[in-house]
Amino acid sequence: MNNKMPEIGRRASSRDWATRIQIHGILLKKPFAHQSSKWSKRFFLVKDGFLMYYDANEKKDYERREFFNIHPKGVLPLGECSFKSCREPQQPFCVQIESQEIGGKLILAAESEYERDHWLEILERSRRVTWKNTQLGDEMIRRLEDQGLQMAIEKQGYIDRLQSEVLALSEEKMRTEELEKMNQELEKEKEKLESFTKEIKEEYERIKQELDETNQLAQEFENDRITLSKSMEQQRQQLENLHKDKQRILEELRSSMAEQTNLSKEKQSLSQRSEGLQRQLQEIENLTKQVEDERVHAEMLLRDNKERLDQLEEEKSAISEHAQELESTIKDLVSQKAMTEKELKEEIRARMSAEQRLREAERSLNCIDLAVTSQSHRIESDAKEEMTINVKKLKNFFEDLAEEAKISSENPLIIRNGLMARKTLARRAKTVRYENRKRSSNNHTMSCDLSSLRPKTNLRRAVTSMDRGTREQLNNSLYPLDEKVAFEDNF
């Protein structure tokens, strides 16, 4: 809504009807006949005591219309209406119009508080333009005419009375002039009497002044006598005060001697207190030295952790070397393509059995990993038992694998892969134990359940030292037999 709401005056003679429009503009109108929260845009205008509204498109036609549109959508006489501002949901600047003639209330919404107040002002002024007010105006004119006639009659009476009063005043003026002459003569006599009285007063003032000067000299002599007596009394009091000051100074000298004795005693007590403060200072220095020792100890622990981190890096390099060894194993399998069919079938059966056992070992290892991950804060006894069972399965698997390797010495690759897998499993178990110790402060005995896989040296490592790539290398190192079987199946 772009509505500036001017009280407009048009220049063109063909649009003289627009000059008699008090206000116009776009407002939002709430439905009148039924309860609804839907607002609709309407073009409103106020003309000669009536509020009319059209479709919103009428605003465009209004600017160029030559004649007044006599077909509005609604007309509301404003003579018996009451107006007040109100608020509606999502429309804070509303005008409520109530009247008994329309049997309800009409609610309009403006864009701003200024626009709403301007509409209220124009509506209040326009409600005065009614047939009733016109009749009241005519009646008032008749009354004023009657009052003017009555006032003319009264005016003539006042003029007659003024003329009679003027005659009386002229006679009074003549008497006043005679009295004025008598007053002038009396005034001359009064001036003579005043001059004589003035001379007598001046003589009296001169005599009075001389008497005052005499009294003043006598008063000064009396004041000098009193001042001398007071000064003598003050000198006597000063002598007495000096004597008292002398006695006070002597007493202060005696008290200062006594205070000097007390100060010597206080000096001895201060020396004792200084010795106590020195002892406290020595204790503070000892505490400082103790804190410094703790700092040195913390630095040593930090260097120790750094060395262990270097060991973990070496372990990571060993795992990468193992991956390279697995690649060389695959190359060896390619070189064994010339094996006989019978030997190949026997090796495939052995490797399929090893694959089954390796899968069981993988499941056991995954169970250990899940138990450690899911119960990192607190590992219960059930989880420990499950870890123990899974570790035993892994141990049995690799022991059986070693026995088969001894029996079938013609298959050196199986022995080699089994031993490498066992080493990798030992590294994995060691990492699991360290992560468990790091995450749970209440469980430090997990290494007892993995006693069969305990390494000779304990390596402490940070939880984040093993990244995802290293973990994948460890998992891949557990599947050498799977790769060999898949290769031989393809072959």
Protein backbone atom coordinates (compact mmCIF):
# COMPACT_ATOMS: atom_id res chain seq x y z
CA MET A 1 0.00 0.00 0.00
CA ASN A 2 1.47 3.28 -1.08
CA ASN A 3 -1.03 5.76 0.39
CA LYS A 4 -0.01 9.30 1.35
CA MET A 5 -3.68 10.28 1.97
CA PRO A 6 -3.67 13.98 1.04
CA GLU A 7 -6.72 16.20 1.36
CA ILE A 8 -6.57 16.74 -2.35
CA GLY A 9 -7.38 19.66 -4.57
CA ARG A 10 -7.45 19.01 -8.33
CA ARG A 11 -6.39 21.45 -11.03
CA ALA A 12 -8.50 20.25 -13.98
CA SER A 13 -12.05 21.62 -14.15
CA SER A 14 -13.36 18.23 -15.42
CA ARG A 15 -12.36 16.67 -12.08
CA ASP A 16 -13.93 19.22 -9.75
CA TRP A 17 -15.78 16.36 -8.02
CA ALA A 18 -12.39 15.05 -6.75
CA THR A 19 -11.76 18.27 -4.82
CA ARG A 20 -14.71 17.40 -2.58
CA ILE A 21 -13.18 14.06 -1.53
CA GLN A 22 -11.86 14.40 2.01
CA ILE A 23 -9.53 11.34 1.92
CA HIS A 24 -8.95 8.22 -0.18
CA GLY A 25 -6.60 5.24 -0.16
CA ILE A 26 -6.14 1.46 0.00
CA LEU A 27 -7.05 -0.25 3.31
CA LEU A 28 -7.51 -3.85 4.42
CA LYS A 29 -11.10 -4.79 5.31
CA LYS A 30 -12.19 -7.64 7.56
CA PRO A 31 -15.41 -9.48 6.51
CA PHE A 32 -18.49 -7.81 8.05
CA ALA A 33 -21.27 -10.39 7.91
CA HIS A 34 -19.41 -13.49 9.21
CA GLN A 35 -16.51 -14.31 11.52
CA SER A 36 -13.44 -14.80 9.37
CA SER A 37 -9.78 -13.88 9.71
CA LYS A 38 -9.29 -13.24 5.98
CA TRP A 39 -8.50 -9.63 5.01
CA SER A 40 -9.28 -8.13 1.61
CA LYS A 41 -7.89 -5.00 -0.09
CA ARG A 42 -10.42 -2.26 -0.84
CA PHE A 43 -10.21 1.30 -2.16
CA PHE A 44 -11.88 3.59 0.41
CA LEU A 45 -12.88 7.25 0.15
CA VAL A 46 -14.72 9.70 2.41
CA LYS A 47 -17.11 12.23 0.81
CA ASP A 48 -19.61 14.52 2.55
CA GLY A 49 -20.25 12.36 5.64
CA PHE A 50 -20.20 8.97 3.82
CA LEU A 51 -17.55 6.22 3.76
CA MET A 52 -17.56 4.31 0.44
CA TYR A 53 -15.38 1.45 -0.72
CA TYR A 54 -14.67 -0.14 -4.11
CA ASP A 55 -12.45 -2.90 -5.51
CA ALA A 56 -8.72 -2.29 -5.17
CA ASN A 57 -8.50 -1.72 -8.96
CA GLU A 58 -10.66 1.40 -8.60
CA LYS A 59 -7.57 3.31 -7.38
CA LYS A 60 -6.09 3.21 -10.91
CA ASP A 61 -9.37 4.40 -12.48
CA TYR A 62 -9.80 7.09 -9.82
CA GLU A 63 -6.72 8.97 -11.06
CA ARG A 64 -8.17 9.46 -14.56
CA ARG A 65 -11.97 9.24 -14.00
CA GLU A 66 -13.90 12.33 -15.22
CA PHE A 67 -17.02 11.63 -13.15
CA PHE A 68 -17.77 10.23 -9.74
CA ASN A 69 -18.34 6.44 -9.63
CA ILE A 70 -21.87 5.99 -8.21
CA HIS A 71 -21.60 2.20 -7.92
CA PRO A 72 -19.49 1.43 -4.83
CA LYS A 73 -19.38 -2.01 -3.21
CA GLY A 74 -20.55 -0.49 0.07
CA VAL A 75 -21.65 2.83 1.61
CA LEU A 76 -21.58 3.71 5.31
CA PRO A 77 -23.12 6.95 6.74
CA LEU A 78 -20.76 8.37 9.35
CA GLY A 79 -23.21 10.56 11.29
CA GLU A 80 -24.11 7.98 14.00
CA CYS A 81 -20.78 6.05 13.95
CA SER A 82 -18.17 5.82 16.66
CA PHE A 83 -14.50 5.25 15.87
CA LYS A 84 -11.62 3.82 17.89
CA SER A 85 -8.20 2.28 17.24
CA CYS A 86 -7.62 -1.42 17.97
CA ARG A 87 -5.23 -4.31 17.29
CA GLU A 88 -5.89 -7.54 15.41
CA PRO A 89 -3.66 -10.61 14.87
CA GLN A 90 -0.94 -9.65 12.35
CA GLN A 91 -2.59 -6.19 11.94
CA PRO A 92 -1.52 -3.83 14.74
CA PHE A 93 -2.88 -0.61 13.16
CA CYS A 94 -6.66 -1.11 12.90
CA VAL A 95 -9.72 1.17 13.03
CA GLN A 96 -13.02 -0.13 14.45
CA ILE A 97 -16.25 1.53 13.22
CA GLU A 98 -19.48 0.84 15.15
CA SER A 99 -23.01 2.11 14.48
CA GLN A 100 -26.56 1.07 15.35
CA GLU A 101 -27.58 1.76 11.76
CA ILE A 102 -25.39 -1.07 10.40
CA GLY A 103 -26.03 -3.49 13.27
CA GLY A 104 -22.39 -4.45 13.87
CA LYS A 105 -18.84 -3.23 13.55
CA LEU A 106 -16.51 -2.74 10.60
CA ILE A 107 -12.73 -3.26 11.09
CA LEU A 108 -10.20 -1.65 8.74
CA ALA A 109 -6.39 -2.04 8.84
CA ALA A 110 -3.76 0.52 7.81
CA GLU A 111 -0.04 0.09 7.15
CA SER A 112 1.27 2.45 9.83
CA GLU A 113 0.24 4.26 12.97
CA TYR A 114 0.42 7.64 11.19
CA GLU A 115 -1.93 6.45 8.43
CA ARG A 116 -4.40 5.05 10.98
CA ASP A 117 -4.43 8.29 13.02
CA HIS A 118 -4.97 10.36 9.87
CA TRP A 119 -7.97 8.25 8.84
CA LEU A 120 -9.42 8.54 12.38
CA GLU A 121 -9.07 12.33 12.28
CA ILE A 122 -10.80 12.66 8.87
CA LEU A 123 -13.59 10.24 9.88
CA GLU A 124 -14.28 12.19 13.10
CA ARG A 125 -14.45 15.46 11.16
CA SER A 126 -16.63 13.98 8.37
CA ARG A 127 -19.25 12.60 10.75
CA ARG A 128 -20.39 16.19 11.39
CA VAL A 129 -21.66 16.59 7.81
CA THR A 130 -25.24 15.22 8.27
CA TRP A 131 -28.85 16.35 7.59
CA LYS A 132 -29.38 16.70 11.32
CA ASN A 133 -26.39 19.00 11.66
CA THR A 134 -27.67 21.08 8.69
CA GLN A 135 -31.04 21.56 10.42
CA LEU A 136 -29.23 22.51 13.59
CA GLY A 137 -27.25 25.10 11.60
CA ASP A 138 -30.43 26.69 10.17
CA GLU A 139 -32.03 26.77 13.60
CA MET A 140 -28.90 28.38 15.00
CA ILE A 141 -29.00 31.07 12.27
CA ARG A 142 -32.62 31.91 13.13
CA ARG A 143 -31.76 32.12 16.80
CA LEU A 144 -28.80 34.39 16.04
CA GLU A 145 -31.05 36.69 13.98
CA ASP A 146 -33.58 36.92 16.85
CA GLN A 147 -30.76 37.58 19.26
CA GLY A 148 -29.39 40.34 16.95
CA LEU A 149 -32.82 42.10 16.88
CA GLN A 150 -33.09 41.93 20.66
CA MET A 151 -29.55 43.28 20.99
CA ALA A 152 -30.42 46.24 18.66
CA ILE A 153 -33.36 47.17 20.93
CA GLU A 154 -31.13 46.92 23.98
CA LYS A 155 -28.49 49.03 22.21
CA GLN A 156 -30.98 51.89 21.65
CA GLY A 157 -31.89 51.81 25.34
CA TYR A 158 -28.24 51.99 26.26
CA ILE A 159 -27.76 55.03 23.95
CA ASP A 160 -30.65 56.90 25.61
CA ARG A 161 -29.24 56.22 29.04
CA LEU A 162 -25.78 57.38 27.90
CA GLN A 163 -27.18 60.72 26.71
CA SER A 164 -28.82 61.38 30.08
CA GLU A 165 -25.60 60.44 31.84
CA VAL A 166 -23.63 62.84 29.57
CA LEU A 167 -25.83 65.77 30.70
CA ALA A 168 -25.33 64.81 34.32
CA LEU A 169 -21.58 64.59 33.79
CA SER A 170 -21.41 68.08 32.22
CA GLU A 171 -23.06 69.57 35.30
CA GLU A 172 -20.67 67.60 37.47
CA LYS A 173 -17.75 68.96 35.45
CA MET A 174 -18.72 72.57 36.16
CA ARG A 175 -18.83 71.88 39.87
CA THR A 176 -15.47 70.14 39.59
CA GLU A 177 -13.85 73.22 37.96
CA GLU A 178 -14.96 75.42 40.84
CA LEU A 179 -13.53 72.94 43.32
CA GLU A 180 -10.28 72.90 41.34
CA LYS A 181 -9.82 76.64 41.77
CA MET A 182 -10.32 76.31 45.50
CA ASN A 183 -7.80 73.46 45.59
CA GLN A 184 -5.16 75.60 43.83
CA GLU A 185 -5.43 78.31 46.48
CA LEU A 186 -5.20 75.72 49.24
CA GLU A 187 -2.15 74.23 47.51
CA LYS A 188 -0.30 77.57 47.63
CA GLU A 189 -0.93 77.87 51.37
CA LYS A 190 0.23 74.31 51.81
CA GLU A 191 3.54 75.02 50.01
CA LYS A 192 4.28 77.95 52.31
CA LEU A 193 3.62 75.80 55.36
CA GLU A 194 5.86 73.02 54.03
CA SER A 195 8.82 75.39 53.45
CA PHE A 196 8.59 76.64 57.04
CA THR A 197 8.41 73.08 58.36
CA LYS A 198 11.46 72.14 56.30
CA GLU A 199 13.59 74.89 57.83
CA ILE A 200 12.66 73.76 61.35
CA LYS A 201 13.56 70.14 60.52
CA GLU A 202 16.99 71.14 59.16
CA GLU A 203 17.81 72.99 62.38
CA TYR A 204 16.72 69.99 64.42
CA GLU A 205 18.87 67.63 62.37
CA ARG A 206 21.97 69.84 62.86
CA ILE A 207 21.55 69.89 66.64
CA LYS A 208 20.92 66.14 66.70
CA GLN A 209 24.10 65.47 64.69
CA GLU A 210 26.26 67.46 67.12
CA LEU A 211 24.79 65.50 70.04
CA ASP A 212 25.52 62.20 68.28
CA GLU A 213 29.16 63.18 67.71
CA THR A 214 29.57 63.97 71.42
CA ASN A 215 28.06 60.61 72.42
CA GLN A 216 30.32 58.82 69.92
CA LEU A 217 33.49 60.33 71.44
CA ALA A 218 32.37 59.28 74.92
CA GLN A 219 31.73 55.74 73.64
CA GLU A 220 35.19 55.55 72.06
CA PHE A 221 36.85 56.53 75.36
CA GLU A 222 34.89 53.81 77.15
CA ASN A 223 35.85 51.21 74.51
CA ASP A 224 39.56 52.07 74.86
CA ARG A 225 39.37 51.57 78.62
CA ILE A 226 37.69 48.15 78.19
CA THR A 227 40.26 47.11 75.54
CA LEU A 228 43.20 47.94 77.84
CA SER A 229 41.71 45.95 80.69
CA LYS A 230 41.14 42.95 78.39
CA SER A 231 44.74 43.08 77.07
CA MET A 232 46.12 43.06 80.63
CA GLU A 233 43.94 40.06 81.47
CA GLN A 234 45.15 38.21 78.33
CA GLN A 235 48.82 38.81 79.23
CA ARG A 236 48.21 37.38 82.70
CA GLN A 237 46.56 34.28 81.17
CA GLN A 238 49.47 33.87 78.71
CA LEU A 239 51.93 33.82 81.62
CA GLU A 240 49.89 31.12 83.31
CA ASN A 241 49.73 29.09 80.05
CA LEU A 242 53.51 29.33 79.59
CA HIS A 243 54.00 27.97 83.10
CA LYS A 244 51.65 25.07 82.32
CA ASP A 245 53.49 24.35 79.01
CA LYS A 246 56.77 24.18 80.90
CA GLN A 247 55.35 21.57 83.29
CA ARG A 248 53.87 19.58 80.35
CA ILE A 249 57.21 19.54 78.48
CA LEU A 250 58.97 18.21 81.57
CA GLU A 251 56.39 15.42 81.87
CA GLU A 252 56.81 14.57 78.15
CA LEU A 253 60.58 14.28 78.64
CA ARG A 254 60.01 11.81 81.46
CA SER A 255 57.51 9.79 79.34
CA SER A 256 59.92 9.77 76.34
CA MET A 257 62.60 8.22 78.54
CA ALA A 258 60.13 5.50 79.55
CA GLU A 259 59.13 4.95 75.89
CA GLN A 260 62.79 4.55 74.89
CA THR A 261 63.07 1.73 77.41
CA ASN A 262 59.95 0.08 75.93
CA LEU A 263 61.35 0.45 72.38
CA SER A 264 64.44 -1.53 73.29
CA LYS A 265 62.22 -4.35 74.51
CA GLU A 266 60.15 -4.24 71.30
CA LYS A 267 63.34 -4.38 69.24
CA GLN A 268 64.23 -7.69 70.87
CA SER A 269 60.74 -9.10 70.07
CA LEU A 270 61.08 -7.92 66.44
CA SER A 271 64.37 -9.78 66.09
CA GLN A 272 62.65 -12.96 67.27
CA ARG A 273 59.83 -12.43 64.73
CA SER A 274 62.37 -11.92 61.91
CA GLU A 275 63.93 -15.27 62.77
CA GLY A 276 60.48 -16.90 62.48
CA LEU A 277 59.93 -15.26 59.08
CA GLN A 278 63.31 -16.54 57.88
CA ARG A 279 62.28 -20.05 58.86
CA GLN A 280 59.02 -19.64 56.88
CA LEU A 281 61.04 -18.37 53.90
CA GLN A 282 63.23 -21.48 54.10
CA GLU A 283 60.10 -23.69 54.04
CA ILE A 284 58.81 -21.82 50.96
CA GLU A 285 62.15 -22.38 49.20
CA ASN A 286 61.94 -26.10 50.03
CA LEU A 287 58.43 -26.24 48.53
CA THR A 288 59.69 -24.43 45.42
CA LYS A 289 62.49 -26.96 45.06
CA GLN A 290 59.98 -29.81 45.42
CA VAL A 291 57.78 -28.32 42.67
CA GLU A 292 60.86 -27.96 40.44
CA ASP A 293 61.70 -31.64 41.02
CA GLU A 294 58.14 -32.61 40.04
CA ARG A 295 58.48 -30.53 36.85
CA VAL A 296 61.74 -32.33 35.98
CA HIS A 297 60.01 -35.65 36.63
CA ALA A 298 57.15 -34.65 34.30
CA GLU A 299 59.66 -33.77 31.56
CA MET A 300 61.28 -37.19 31.98
CA LEU A 301 57.87 -38.84 31.60
CA LEU A 302 57.29 -36.77 28.47
CA ARG A 303 60.59 -37.98 26.97
CA ASP A 304 59.67 -41.55 27.91
CA ASN A 305 56.34 -41.21 26.08
CA LYS A 306 58.18 -39.85 23.05
CA GLU A 307 60.52 -42.87 23.02
CA ARG A 308 57.53 -45.22 23.20
CA LEU A 309 55.95 -43.35 20.32
CA ASP A 310 59.12 -43.99 18.31
CA GLN A 311 58.81 -47.71 19.15
CA LEU A 312 55.25 -47.67 17.81
CA GLU A 313 56.50 -46.08 14.60
CA GLU A 314 59.01 -48.93 14.29
CA GLU A 315 56.17 -51.40 14.80
CA LYS A 316 54.25 -49.68 12.00
CA SER A 317 57.25 -50.03 9.66
CA ALA A 318 57.49 -53.74 10.59
CA ILE A 319 53.85 -54.20 9.60
CA SER A 320 54.50 -52.54 6.24
CA GLU A 321 57.46 -54.90 5.72
CA HIS A 322 55.16 -57.81 6.47
CA ALA A 323 52.77 -56.56 3.78
CA GLN A 324 55.66 -56.57 1.32
CA GLU A 325 56.45 -60.13 2.37
CA LEU A 326 52.86 -61.11 1.63
CA GLU A 327 53.24 -59.67 -1.86
CA SER A 328 56.36 -61.78 -2.35
CA THR A 329 54.33 -64.80 -1.17
CA ILE A 330 51.82 -64.21 -3.94
CA LYS A 331 54.67 -64.05 -6.42
CA ASP A 332 55.90 -67.42 -5.08
CA LEU A 333 52.45 -68.88 -5.66
CA VAL A 334 52.65 -67.79 -9.28
CA SER A 335 55.99 -69.56 -9.60
CA GLN A 336 54.43 -72.82 -8.30
CA LYS A 337 52.01 -73.20 -11.22
CA ALA A 338 53.98 -76.27 -12.38
CA MET A 339 52.84 -78.36 -9.40
CA THR A 340 51.08 -81.63 -10.16
CA GLU A 341 47.31 -81.86 -10.04
CA LYS A 342 47.29 -84.19 -7.05
CA GLU A 343 49.57 -81.95 -4.99
CA LEU A 344 47.53 -78.94 -5.99
CA LYS A 345 44.25 -80.57 -4.83
CA GLU A 346 45.80 -81.57 -1.51
CA GLU A 347 47.09 -78.06 -0.96
CA ILE A 348 43.72 -76.57 -1.91
CA ARG A 349 41.93 -78.84 0.59
CA ALA A 350 44.43 -77.92 3.30
CA ARG A 351 44.08 -74.25 2.50
CA MET A 352 40.27 -74.44 2.49
CA SER A 353 40.43 -75.98 5.96
CA ALA A 354 42.87 -73.28 7.01
CA GLU A 355 40.52 -70.68 5.51
CA GLN A 356 37.65 -71.98 7.64
CA ARG A 357 39.78 -71.82 10.76
CA LEU A 358 41.08 -68.41 9.81
CA ARG A 359 37.53 -67.12 9.45
CA GLU A 360 36.74 -68.40 12.92
CA ALA A 361 39.87 -66.64 14.16
CA GLU A 362 38.75 -63.48 12.36
CA ARG A 363 35.34 -63.63 14.04
CA SER A 364 37.01 -64.11 17.41
CA LEU A 365 39.31 -61.16 16.77
CA ASN A 366 36.36 -59.01 15.70
CA CYS A 367 34.53 -59.97 18.90
CA ILE A 368 37.56 -58.84 20.90
CA ASP A 369 37.68 -55.56 19.00
CA LEU A 370 33.94 -54.93 19.49
CA ALA A 371 34.12 -55.78 23.21
CA VAL A 372 37.01 -53.38 23.74
CA THR A 373 35.34 -50.62 21.67
CA SER A 374 31.81 -50.91 23.12
CA GLN A 375 33.00 -51.21 26.75
CA SER A 376 35.92 -48.83 26.66
CA HIS A 377 34.91 -47.00 29.85
CA ARG A 378 34.28 -50.07 31.96
CA ILE A 379 34.96 -53.69 30.93
CA GLU A 380 32.72 -56.15 32.80
CA SER A 381 33.62 -59.68 33.80
CA ASP A 382 31.38 -61.16 31.03
CA ALA A 383 33.34 -59.26 28.40
CA LYS A 384 36.60 -60.53 29.89
CA GLU A 385 35.38 -64.15 29.72
CA GLU A 386 34.31 -63.70 26.10
CA MET A 387 37.74 -62.23 25.27
CA THR A 388 39.43 -65.20 26.95
CA ILE A 389 37.40 -67.71 24.88
CA ASN A 390 38.11 -65.89 21.62
CA VAL A 391 41.82 -65.68 22.38
CA LYS A 392 41.93 -69.42 23.13
CA LYS A 393 40.32 -70.11 19.76
CA LEU A 394 42.99 -68.05 18.05
CA LYS A 395 45.71 -69.82 19.99
CA ASN A 396 44.38 -73.30 19.09
CA PHE A 397 44.06 -72.30 15.45
CA PHE A 398 47.66 -71.23 15.12
CA GLU A 399 48.94 -74.23 17.12
CA ASP A 400 47.09 -76.58 14.74
CA LEU A 401 48.43 -74.59 11.84
CA ALA A 402 51.98 -75.04 13.12
CA GLU A 403 51.50 -78.83 13.50
CA GLU A 404 50.16 -79.12 9.96
CA ALA A 405 53.12 -77.13 8.75
CA LYS A 406 55.50 -79.61 10.43
CA ILE A 407 53.71 -82.60 8.86
CA SER A 408 53.49 -81.11 5.35
CA SER A 409 56.96 -79.72 4.96
CA GLU A 410 56.34 -79.67 1.23
CA ASN A 411 54.09 -76.62 1.74
CA PRO A 412 56.44 -73.98 3.14
CA LEU A 413 54.14 -71.12 2.23
CA ILE A 414 51.46 -72.23 4.71
CA ILE A 415 53.97 -72.37 7.55
CA ARG A 416 55.35 -68.99 6.62
CA ASN A 417 51.94 -67.35 6.39
CA GLY A 418 50.78 -68.96 9.65
CA LEU A 419 53.83 -67.72 11.54
CA MET A 420 53.44 -64.23 10.11
CA ALA A 421 49.73 -64.22 11.00
CA ARG A 422 50.58 -65.28 14.55
CA LYS A 423 53.06 -62.41 14.89
CA THR A 424 50.48 -59.98 13.54
CA LEU A 425 47.90 -61.31 15.99
CA ALA A 426 50.33 -60.80 18.87
CA ARG A 427 50.83 -57.18 17.80
CA ARG A 428 47.06 -56.72 17.54
CA ALA A 429 46.47 -58.18 21.01
CA LYS A 430 49.16 -55.93 22.46
CA THR A 431 47.49 -52.85 20.91
CA VAL A 432 44.09 -53.94 22.25
CA ARG A 433 45.51 -54.29 25.76
CA TYR A 434 47.04 -50.82 25.63
CA GLU A 435 43.84 -49.18 24.37
CA ASN A 436 41.87 -50.95 27.10
CA ARG A 437 44.27 -49.70 29.80
CA LYS A 438 44.09 -46.18 28.39
CA ARG A 439 40.27 -46.00 28.29
CA SER A 440 39.40 -47.65 31.62
CA SER A 441 40.95 -46.49 34.89
CA ASN A 442 39.25 -49.30 36.86
CA ASN A 443 40.60 -52.27 34.81
CA HIS A 444 44.34 -52.77 34.60
CA THR A 445 44.45 -56.60 34.49
CA MET A 446 43.35 -57.37 30.94
CA SER A 447 46.82 -58.63 30.12
CA CYS A 448 46.18 -61.63 32.42
CA ASP A 449 43.46 -62.89 30.02
CA LEU A 450 45.87 -62.60 27.11
CA SER A 451 48.85 -64.18 28.89
CA SER A 452 49.51 -66.50 25.99
CA LEU A 453 50.04 -63.52 23.68
CA ARG A 454 51.90 -61.15 26.09
CA PRO A 455 55.02 -59.63 24.52
CA LYS A 456 58.31 -59.38 26.37
CA THR A 457 58.25 -55.54 26.49
CA ASN A 458 55.25 -53.38 27.30
CA LEU A 459 54.69 -50.63 24.77
CA ARG A 460 52.46 -47.74 25.77
CA ARG A 461 50.97 -45.82 22.92
CA ALA A 462 48.48 -43.04 22.37
CA VAL A 463 44.95 -44.06 21.37
CA THR A 464 45.15 -42.16 18.11
CA SER A 465 48.60 -43.43 17.10
CA MET A 466 47.09 -46.15 14.87
CA ASP A 467 45.27 -44.57 11.96
CA ARG A 468 42.73 -46.21 9.67
CA GLY A 469 45.30 -47.21 7.05
CA THR A 470 47.44 -49.05 9.62
CA ARG A 471 44.36 -50.85 10.99
CA GLU A 472 43.47 -51.99 7.45
CA GLN A 473 47.03 -53.26 6.94
CA LEU A 474 46.74 -55.27 10.16
CA ASN A 475 43.40 -56.77 9.06
CA ASN A 476 44.78 -57.53 5.60
CA SER A 477 47.77 -59.29 7.15
CA LEU A 478 45.37 -61.82 8.73
CA TYR A 479 44.10 -63.01 5.34
CA PRO A 480 47.14 -64.38 3.48
CA LEU A 481 45.58 -67.81 3.13
CA ASP A 482 42.40 -66.32 1.67
CA GLU A 483 44.43 -64.61 -1.01
CA LYS A 484 46.31 -67.82 -1.81
CA VAL A 485 43.12 -69.89 -2.09
CA ALA A 486 41.45 -67.27 -4.28
CA PHE A 487 44.51 -67.16 -6.51
CA GLU A 488 44.60 -70.93 -6.92
CA ASP A 489 40.85 -71.05 -7.63
CA ASN A 490 41.36 -68.55 -10.41
CA PHE A 491 44.30 -70.56 -11.63
